[in-house]
PDB file of all heavy atoms in Angstrom:
ATOM      1  N   GLY A   1     -12.111-114.810  28.284  1.00  0.00           N
ATOM      2  CA  GLY A   1     -13.462-114.452  28.708  1.00  0.00           C
ATOM      3  C   GLY A   1     -13.573-113.239  29.602  1.00  0.00           C
ATOM      4  O   GLY A   1     -14.680-112.870  30.010  1.00  0.00           O
ATOM      5  N   GLY A   2     -12.461-112.625  29.921  1.00  0.00           N
ATOM      6  CA  GLY A   2     -12.512-111.447  30.780  1.00  0.00           C
ATOM      7  C   GLY A   2     -13.036-110.232  30.029  1.00  0.00           C
ATOM      8  O   GLY A   2     -13.363-110.302  28.844  1.00  0.00           O
ATOM      9  N   GLY A   3     -13.123-109.106  30.742  1.00  0.00           N
ATOM     10  CA  GLY A   3     -13.562-107.885  30.089  1.00  0.00           C
ATOM     11  C   GLY A   3     -14.122-106.877  31.067  1.00  0.00           C
ATOM     12  O   GLY A   3     -13.949-107.011  32.281  1.00  0.00           O
ATOM     13  N   LEU A   4     -14.787-105.875  30.510  1.00  0.00           N
ATOM     14  CA  LEU A   4     -15.390-104.791  31.287  1.00  0.00           C
ATOM     15  C   LEU A   4     -16.902-104.946  31.251  1.00  0.00           C
ATOM     16  O   LEU A   4     -17.498-105.010  30.157  1.00  0.00           O
ATOM     17  CB  LEU A   4     -14.985-103.451  30.689  1.00  0.00           C
ATOM     18  CG  LEU A   4     -15.698-102.204  31.212  1.00  0.00           C
ATOM     19  CD1 LEU A   4     -15.404-102.007  32.693  1.00  0.00           C
ATOM     20  CD2 LEU A   4     -15.300-100.974  30.402  1.00  0.00           C
ATOM     21  N   VAL A   5     -17.512-105.004  32.422  1.00  0.00           N
ATOM     22  CA  VAL A   5     -18.964-105.137  32.508  1.00  0.00           C
ATOM     23  C   VAL A   5     -19.484-104.208  33.604  1.00  0.00           C
ATOM     24  O   VAL A   5     -18.720-103.731  34.436  1.00  0.00           O
ATOM     25  CB  VAL A   5     -19.411-106.589  32.816  1.00  0.00           C
ATOM     26  CG1 VAL A   5     -19.016-107.527  31.687  1.00  0.00           C
ATOM     27  CG2 VAL A   5     -18.838-107.052  34.143  1.00  0.00           C
ATOM     28  N   GLN A   6     -20.781-104.014  33.603  1.00  0.00           N
ATOM     29  CA  GLN A   6     -21.415-103.221  34.645  1.00  0.00           C
ATOM     30  C   GLN A   6     -21.786-104.110  35.825  1.00  0.00           C
ATOM     31  O   GLN A   6     -21.963-105.335  35.679  1.00  0.00           O
ATOM     32  CB  GLN A   6     -22.656-102.532  34.101  1.00  0.00           C
ATOM     33  CG  GLN A   6     -22.346-101.418  33.113  1.00  0.00           C
ATOM     34  CD  GLN A   6     -23.575-100.607  32.761  1.00  0.00           C
ATOM     35  OE1 GLN A   6     -24.686-101.123  32.760  1.00  0.00           O
ATOM     36  NE2 GLN A   6     -23.373 -99.329  32.461  1.00  0.00           N
ATOM     37  N   ALA A   7     -21.934-103.497  36.967  1.00  0.00           N
ATOM     38  CA  ALA A   7     -22.352-104.228  38.156  1.00  0.00           C
ATOM     39  C   ALA A   7     -23.667-104.949  37.891  1.00  0.00           C
ATOM     40  O   ALA A   7     -24.568-104.401  37.254  1.00  0.00           O
ATOM     41  CB  ALA A   7     -22.495-103.274  39.335  1.00  0.00           C
ATOM     42  N   GLY A   8     -23.743-106.188  38.362  1.00  0.00           N
ATOM     43  CA  GLY A   8     -24.941-106.997  38.157  1.00  0.00           C
ATOM     44  C   GLY A   8     -24.867-107.915  36.955  1.00  0.00           C
ATOM     45  O   GLY A   8     -25.687-108.826  36.815  1.00  0.00           O
ATOM     46  N   ALA A   9     -23.892-107.673  36.103  1.00  0.00           N
ATOM     47  CA  ALA A   9     -23.750-108.487  34.890  1.00  0.00           C
ATOM     48  C   ALA A   9     -23.048-109.812  35.195  1.00  0.00           C
ATOM     49  O   ALA A   9     -22.638-110.072  36.335  1.00  0.00           O
ATOM     50  CB  ALA A   9     -22.984-107.706  33.837  1.00  0.00           C
ATOM     51  N   SER A  10     -22.919-110.625  34.156  1.00  0.00           N
ATOM     52  CA  SER A  10     -22.261-111.922  34.270  1.00  0.00           C
ATOM     53  C   SER A  10     -21.106-112.026  33.287  1.00  0.00           C
ATOM     54  O   SER A  10     -21.114-111.383  32.233  1.00  0.00           O
ATOM     55  CB  SER A  10     -23.255-113.054  33.982  1.00  0.00           C
ATOM     56  OG  SER A  10     -24.312-113.065  34.915  1.00  0.00           O
ATOM     57  N   LEU A  11     -20.137-112.833  33.650  1.00  0.00           N
ATOM     58  CA  LEU A  11     -19.031-113.186  32.771  1.00  0.00           C
ATOM     59  C   LEU A  11     -18.695-114.649  33.005  1.00  0.00           C
ATOM     60  O   LEU A  11     -18.886-115.163  34.112  1.00  0.00           O
ATOM     61  CB  LEU A  11     -17.784-112.352  33.064  1.00  0.00           C
ATOM     62  CG  LEU A  11     -17.635-110.973  32.453  1.00  0.00           C
ATOM     63  CD1 LEU A  11     -16.350-110.314  32.966  1.00  0.00           C
ATOM     64  CD2 LEU A  11     -17.647-111.013  30.941  1.00  0.00           C
ATOM     65  N   ARG A  12     -18.158-115.276  31.976  1.00  0.00           N
ATOM     66  CA  ARG A  12     -17.692-116.656  32.116  1.00  0.00           C
ATOM     67  C   ARG A  12     -16.230-116.711  31.708  1.00  0.00           C
ATOM     68  O   ARG A  12     -15.896-116.423  30.557  1.00  0.00           O
ATOM     69  CB  ARG A  12     -18.517-117.610  31.259  1.00  0.00           C
ATOM     70  CG  ARG A  12     -18.140-119.072  31.455  1.00  0.00           C
ATOM     71  CD  ARG A  12     -19.044-119.972  30.623  1.00  0.00           C
ATOM     72  NE  ARG A  12     -18.734-121.381  30.785  1.00  0.00           N
ATOM     73  CZ  ARG A  12     -19.202-122.143  31.756  1.00  0.00           C
ATOM     74  NH1 ARG A  12     -20.024-121.636  32.670  1.00  0.00           N
ATOM     75  NH2 ARG A  12     -18.873-123.430  31.836  1.00  0.00           N
ATOM     76  N   LEU A  13     -15.385-117.065  32.654  1.00  0.00           N
ATOM     77  CA  LEU A  13     -13.970-117.251  32.371  1.00  0.00           C
ATOM     78  C   LEU A  13     -13.708-118.711  32.030  1.00  0.00           C
ATOM     79  O   LEU A  13     -14.289-119.612  32.637  1.00  0.00           O
ATOM     80  CB  LEU A  13     -13.119-116.855  33.569  1.00  0.00           C
ATOM     81  CG  LEU A  13     -13.258-115.426  34.084  1.00  0.00           C
ATOM     82  CD1 LEU A  13     -12.286-115.192  35.252  1.00  0.00           C
ATOM     83  CD2 LEU A  13     -13.022-114.413  32.986  1.00  0.00           C
ATOM     84  N   SER A  14     -12.826-118.907  31.077  1.00  0.00           N
ATOM     85  CA  SER A  14     -12.410-120.257  30.723  1.00  0.00           C
ATOM     86  C   SER A  14     -10.894-120.351  30.780  1.00  0.00           C
ATOM     87  O   SER A  14     -10.195-119.353  30.573  1.00  0.00           O
ATOM     88  CB  SER A  14     -12.903-120.624  29.325  1.00  0.00           C
ATOM     89  OG  SER A  14     -14.308-120.687  29.287  1.00  0.00           O
ATOM     90  N   CYS A  15     -10.411-121.535  31.054  1.00  0.00           N
ATOM     91  CA  CYS A  15      -8.973-121.776  31.109  1.00  0.00           C
ATOM     92  C   CYS A  15      -8.684-123.065  30.352  1.00  0.00           C
ATOM     93  O   CYS A  15      -9.213-124.132  30.717  1.00  0.00           O
ATOM     94  CB  CYS A  15      -8.515-121.885  32.551  1.00  0.00           C
ATOM     95  SG  CYS A  15      -6.795-122.394  32.766  1.00  0.00           S
ATOM     96  N   ALA A  16      -7.881-122.952  29.322  1.00  0.00           N
ATOM     97  CA  ALA A  16      -7.511-124.111  28.513  1.00  0.00           C
ATOM     98  C   ALA A  16      -6.091-124.523  28.848  1.00  0.00           C
ATOM     99  O   ALA A  16      -5.172-123.699  28.779  1.00  0.00           O
ATOM    100  CB  ALA A  16      -7.642-123.785  27.037  1.00  0.00           C
ATOM    101  N   ALA A  17      -5.923-125.781  29.194  1.00  0.00           N
ATOM    102  CA  ALA A  17      -4.605-126.305  29.532  1.00  0.00           C
ATOM    103  C   ALA A  17      -4.032-127.065  28.349  1.00  0.00           C
ATOM    104  O   ALA A  17      -4.764-127.744  27.620  1.00  0.00           O
ATOM    105  CB  ALA A  17      -4.699-127.220  30.743  1.00  0.00           C
ATOM    106  N   SER A  18      -2.735-126.964  28.180  1.00  0.00           N
ATOM    107  CA  SER A  18      -2.038-127.709  27.133  1.00  0.00           C
ATOM    108  C   SER A  18      -0.693-128.152  27.666  1.00  0.00           C
ATOM    109  O   SER A  18      -0.185-127.627  28.656  1.00  0.00           O
ATOM    110  CB  SER A  18      -1.873-126.848  25.884  1.00  0.00           C
ATOM    111  OG  SER A  18      -1.095-125.708  26.163  1.00  0.00           O
ATOM    112  N   GLY A  19      -0.125-129.142  27.020  1.00  0.00           N
ATOM    113  CA  GLY A  19       1.177-129.658  27.422  1.00  0.00           C
ATOM    114  C   GLY A  19       1.107-130.880  28.321  1.00  0.00           C
ATOM    115  O   GLY A  19       2.081-131.610  28.456  1.00  0.00           O
ATOM    116  N   ARG A  20      -0.004-131.064  28.988  1.00  0.00           N
ATOM    117  CA  ARG A  20      -0.268-132.258  29.789  1.00  0.00           C
ATOM    118  C   ARG A  20      -1.742-132.260  30.151  1.00  0.00           C
ATOM    119  O   ARG A  20      -2.419-131.227  30.086  1.00  0.00           O
ATOM    120  CB  ARG A  20       0.586-132.319  31.056  1.00  0.00           C
ATOM    121  CG  ARG A  20       0.355-131.183  32.033  1.00  0.00           C
ATOM    122  CD  ARG A  20       0.900-131.481  33.414  1.00  0.00           C
ATOM    123  NE  ARG A  20       0.062-132.445  34.135  1.00  0.00           N
ATOM    124  CZ  ARG A  20       0.347-132.904  35.354  1.00  0.00           C
ATOM    125  NH1 ARG A  20       1.454-132.531  35.963  1.00  0.00           N
ATOM    126  NH2 ARG A  20      -0.468-133.753  35.950  1.00  0.00           N
ATOM    127  N   THR A  21      -2.219-133.394  30.574  1.00  0.00           N
ATOM    128  CA  THR A  21      -3.593-133.487  31.010  1.00  0.00           C
ATOM    129  C   THR A  21      -3.691-133.260  32.511  1.00  0.00           C
ATOM    130  O   THR A  21      -2.791-133.651  33.263  1.00  0.00           O
ATOM    131  CB  THR A  21      -4.208-134.853  30.644  1.00  0.00           C
ATOM    132  OG1 THR A  21      -5.558-134.891  31.122  1.00  0.00           O
ATOM    133  CG2 THR A  21      -3.424-135.988  31.288  1.00  0.00           C
ATOM    134  N   PHE A  22      -4.782-132.620  32.937  1.00  0.00           N
ATOM    135  CA  PHE A  22      -5.015-132.365  34.361  1.00  0.00           C
ATOM    136  C   PHE A  22      -6.255-133.103  34.865  1.00  0.00           C
ATOM    137  O   PHE A  22      -6.865-132.686  35.841  1.00  0.00           O
ATOM    138  CB  PHE A  22      -5.146-130.856  34.610  1.00  0.00           C
ATOM    139  CG  PHE A  22      -3.848-130.133  34.466  1.00  0.00           C
ATOM    140  CD1 PHE A  22      -3.552-129.399  33.327  1.00  0.00           C
ATOM    141  CD2 PHE A  22      -2.886-130.182  35.475  1.00  0.00           C
ATOM    142  CE1 PHE A  22      -2.345-128.732  33.183  1.00  0.00           C
ATOM    143  CE2 PHE A  22      -1.678-129.513  35.352  1.00  0.00           C
ATOM    144  CZ  PHE A  22      -1.403-128.796  34.195  1.00  0.00           C
ATOM    145  N   SER A  23      -6.611-134.173  34.208  1.00  0.00           N
ATOM    146  CA  SER A  23      -7.839-134.887  34.548  1.00  0.00           C
ATOM    147  C   SER A  23      -7.785-135.544  35.926  1.00  0.00           C
ATOM    148  O   SER A  23      -8.833-135.917  36.464  1.00  0.00           O
ATOM    149  CB  SER A  23      -8.148-135.935  33.484  1.00  0.00           C
ATOM    150  OG  SER A  23      -7.098-136.875  33.404  1.00  0.00           O
ATOM    151  N   ARG A  24      -6.605-135.675  36.504  1.00  0.00           N
ATOM    152  CA  ARG A  24      -6.479-136.262  37.843  1.00  0.00           C
ATOM    153  C   ARG A  24      -5.966-135.251  38.857  1.00  0.00           C
ATOM    154  O   ARG A  24      -5.482-135.620  39.936  1.00  0.00           O
ATOM    155  CB  ARG A  24      -5.549-137.480  37.789  1.00  0.00           C
ATOM    156  CG  ARG A  24      -6.110-138.639  36.996  1.00  0.00           C
ATOM    157  CD  ARG A  24      -5.111-139.780  36.899  1.00  0.00           C
ATOM    158  NE  ARG A  24      -3.980-139.449  36.044  1.00  0.00           N
ATOM    159  CZ  ARG A  24      -2.940-140.251  35.844  1.00  0.00           C
ATOM    160  NH1 ARG A  24      -2.873-141.408  36.471  1.00  0.00           N
ATOM    161  NH2 ARG A  24      -1.971-139.893  35.036  1.00  0.00           N
ATOM    162  N   ASN A  25      -6.092-133.955  38.520  1.00  0.00           N
ATOM    163  CA  ASN A  25      -5.490-132.897  39.333  1.00  0.00           C
ATOM    164  C   ASN A  25      -6.501-131.832  39.722  1.00  0.00           C
ATOM    165  O   ASN A  25      -7.396-131.507  38.944  1.00  0.00           O
ATOM    166  CB  ASN A  25      -4.354-132.235  38.557  1.00  0.00           C
ATOM    167  CG  ASN A  25      -3.365-133.225  37.997  1.00  0.00           C
ATOM    168  OD1 ASN A  25      -3.627-133.837  36.960  1.00  0.00           O
ATOM    169  ND2 ASN A  25      -2.247-133.386  38.669  1.00  0.00           N
ATOM    170  N   SER A  26      -6.310-131.297  40.915  1.00  0.00           N
ATOM    171  CA  SER A  26      -7.131-130.165  41.339  1.00  0.00           C
ATOM    172  C   SER A  26      -6.843-128.946  40.476  1.00  0.00           C
ATOM    173  O   SER A  26      -5.713-128.751  40.021  1.00  0.00           O
ATOM    174  CB  SER A  26      -6.827-129.812  42.796  1.00  0.00           C
ATOM    175  OG  SER A  26      -7.095-130.895  43.654  1.00  0.00           O
ATOM    176  N   MET A  27      -7.864-128.140  40.294  1.00  0.00           N
ATOM    177  CA  MET A  27      -7.698-126.881  39.572  1.00  0.00           C
ATOM    178  C   MET A  27      -8.447-125.781  40.313  1.00  0.00           C
ATOM    179  O   MET A  27      -9.357-126.061  41.100  1.00  0.00           O
ATOM    180  CB  MET A  27      -8.203-127.003  38.137  1.00  0.00           C
ATOM    181  CG  MET A  27      -7.462-128.057  37.332  1.00  0.00           C
ATOM    182  SD  MET A  27      -7.861-128.055  35.583  1.00  0.00           S
ATOM    183  CE  MET A  27      -6.898-126.619  35.017  1.00  0.00           C
ATOM    184  N   GLY A  28      -8.036-124.551  40.063  1.00  0.00           N
ATOM    185  CA  GLY A  28      -8.672-123.461  40.794  1.00  0.00           C
ATOM    186  C   GLY A  28      -8.538-122.121  40.097  1.00  0.00           C
ATOM    187  O   GLY A  28      -7.880-121.996  39.063  1.00  0.00           O
ATOM    188  N   TRP A  29      -9.199-121.142  40.706  1.00  0.00           N
ATOM    189  CA  TRP A  29      -9.130-119.756  40.253  1.00  0.00           C
ATOM    190  C   TRP A  29      -8.734-118.871  41.430  1.00  0.00           C
ATOM    191  O   TRP A  29      -9.242-119.035  42.545  1.00  0.00           O
ATOM    192  CB  TRP A  29     -10.484-119.292  39.709  1.00  0.00           C
ATOM    193  CG  TRP A  29     -10.860-119.905  38.405  1.00  0.00           C
ATOM    194  CD1 TRP A  29     -11.587-121.031  38.188  1.00  0.00           C
ATOM    195  CD2 TRP A  29     -10.513-119.407  37.110  1.00  0.00           C
ATOM    196  NE1 TRP A  29     -11.720-121.276  36.852  1.00  0.00           N
ATOM    197  CE2 TRP A  29     -11.074-120.282  36.154  1.00  0.00           C
ATOM    198  CE3 TRP A  29      -9.792-118.296  36.643  1.00  0.00           C
ATOM    199  CZ2 TRP A  29     -10.942-120.096  34.781  1.00  0.00           C
ATOM    200  CZ3 TRP A  29      -9.656-118.109  35.285  1.00  0.00           C
ATOM    201  CH2 TRP A  29     -10.229-119.002  34.366  1.00  0.00           C
ATOM    202  N   PHE A  30      -7.855-117.945  41.142  1.00  0.00           N
ATOM    203  CA  PHE A  30      -7.441-116.936  42.103  1.00  0.00           C
ATOM    204  C   PHE A  30      -7.598-115.570  41.448  1.00  0.00           C
ATOM    205  O   PHE A  30      -7.792-115.475  40.237  1.00  0.00           O
ATOM    206  CB  PHE A  30      -5.976-117.150  42.496  1.00  0.00           C
ATOM    207  CG  PHE A  30      -5.749-118.346  43.375  1.00  0.00           C
ATOM    208  CD1 PHE A  30      -5.818-119.634  42.860  1.00  0.00           C
ATOM    209  CD2 PHE A  30      -5.461-118.197  44.725  1.00  0.00           C
ATOM    210  CE1 PHE A  30      -5.616-120.742  43.663  1.00  0.00           C
ATOM    211  CE2 PHE A  30      -5.249-119.293  45.542  1.00  0.00           C
ATOM    212  CZ  PHE A  30      -5.325-120.565  45.008  1.00  0.00           C
ATOM    213  N   ARG A  31      -7.516-114.529  42.256  1.00  0.00           N
ATOM    214  CA  ARG A  31      -7.567-113.174  41.700  1.00  0.00           C
ATOM    215  C   ARG A  31      -6.669-112.251  42.502  1.00  0.00           C
ATOM    216  O   ARG A  31      -6.367-112.506  43.671  1.00  0.00           O
ATOM    217  CB  ARG A  31      -8.994-112.650  41.669  1.00  0.00           C
ATOM    218  CG  ARG A  31      -9.617-112.401  43.038  1.00  0.00           C
ATOM    219  CD  ARG A  31     -11.092-112.027  42.885  1.00  0.00           C
ATOM    220  NE  ARG A  31     -11.714-111.725  44.177  1.00  0.00           N
ATOM    221  CZ  ARG A  31     -13.019-111.488  44.330  1.00  0.00           C
ATOM    222  NH1 ARG A  31     -13.836-111.513  43.274  1.00  0.00           N
ATOM    223  NH2 ARG A  31     -13.505-111.229  45.524  1.00  0.00           N
ATOM    224  N   GLN A  32      -6.270-111.182  41.831  1.00  0.00           N
ATOM    225  CA  GLN A  32      -5.417-110.191  42.486  1.00  0.00           C
ATOM    226  C   GLN A  32      -5.832-108.799  42.040  1.00  0.00           C
ATOM    227  O   GLN A  32      -5.787-108.469  40.851  1.00  0.00           O
ATOM    228  CB  GLN A  32      -3.942-110.431  42.151  1.00  0.00           C
ATOM    229  CG  GLN A  32      -2.992-109.558  42.932  1.00  0.00           C
ATOM    230  CD  GLN A  32      -1.553-110.035  42.816  1.00  0.00           C
ATOM    231  OE1 GLN A  32      -1.189-110.808  41.936  1.00  0.00           O
ATOM    232  NE2 GLN A  32      -0.709-109.577  43.730  1.00  0.00           N
ATOM    233  N   ALA A  33      -6.263-108.012  43.005  1.00  0.00           N
ATOM    234  CA  ALA A  33      -6.639-106.620  42.744  1.00  0.00           C
ATOM    235  C   ALA A  33      -5.414-105.729  42.944  1.00  0.00           C
ATOM    236  O   ALA A  33      -4.481-106.108  43.651  1.00  0.00           O
ATOM    237  CB  ALA A  33      -7.766-106.203  43.684  1.00  0.00           C
ATOM    238  N   PRO A  34      -5.412-104.550  42.348  1.00  0.00           N
ATOM    239  CA  PRO A  34      -4.263-103.641  42.492  1.00  0.00           C
ATOM    240  C   PRO A  34      -3.953-103.353  43.960  1.00  0.00           C
ATOM    241  O   PRO A  34      -4.852-103.023  44.735  1.00  0.00           O
ATOM    242  CB  PRO A  34      -4.729-102.381  41.768  1.00  0.00           C
ATOM    243  CG  PRO A  34      -5.715-102.866  40.777  1.00  0.00           C
ATOM    244  CD  PRO A  34      -6.424-104.001  41.435  1.00  0.00           C
TER     245      PRO A  34
END
């Protein structure tokens, strides 16, 4: 869901997990700029 947008726009990021279920686990988003 990432990409290039102009200021003021919207984006929706999604994260799909596989290999195990995380239904009982905390999840989060982080970011790193150059």
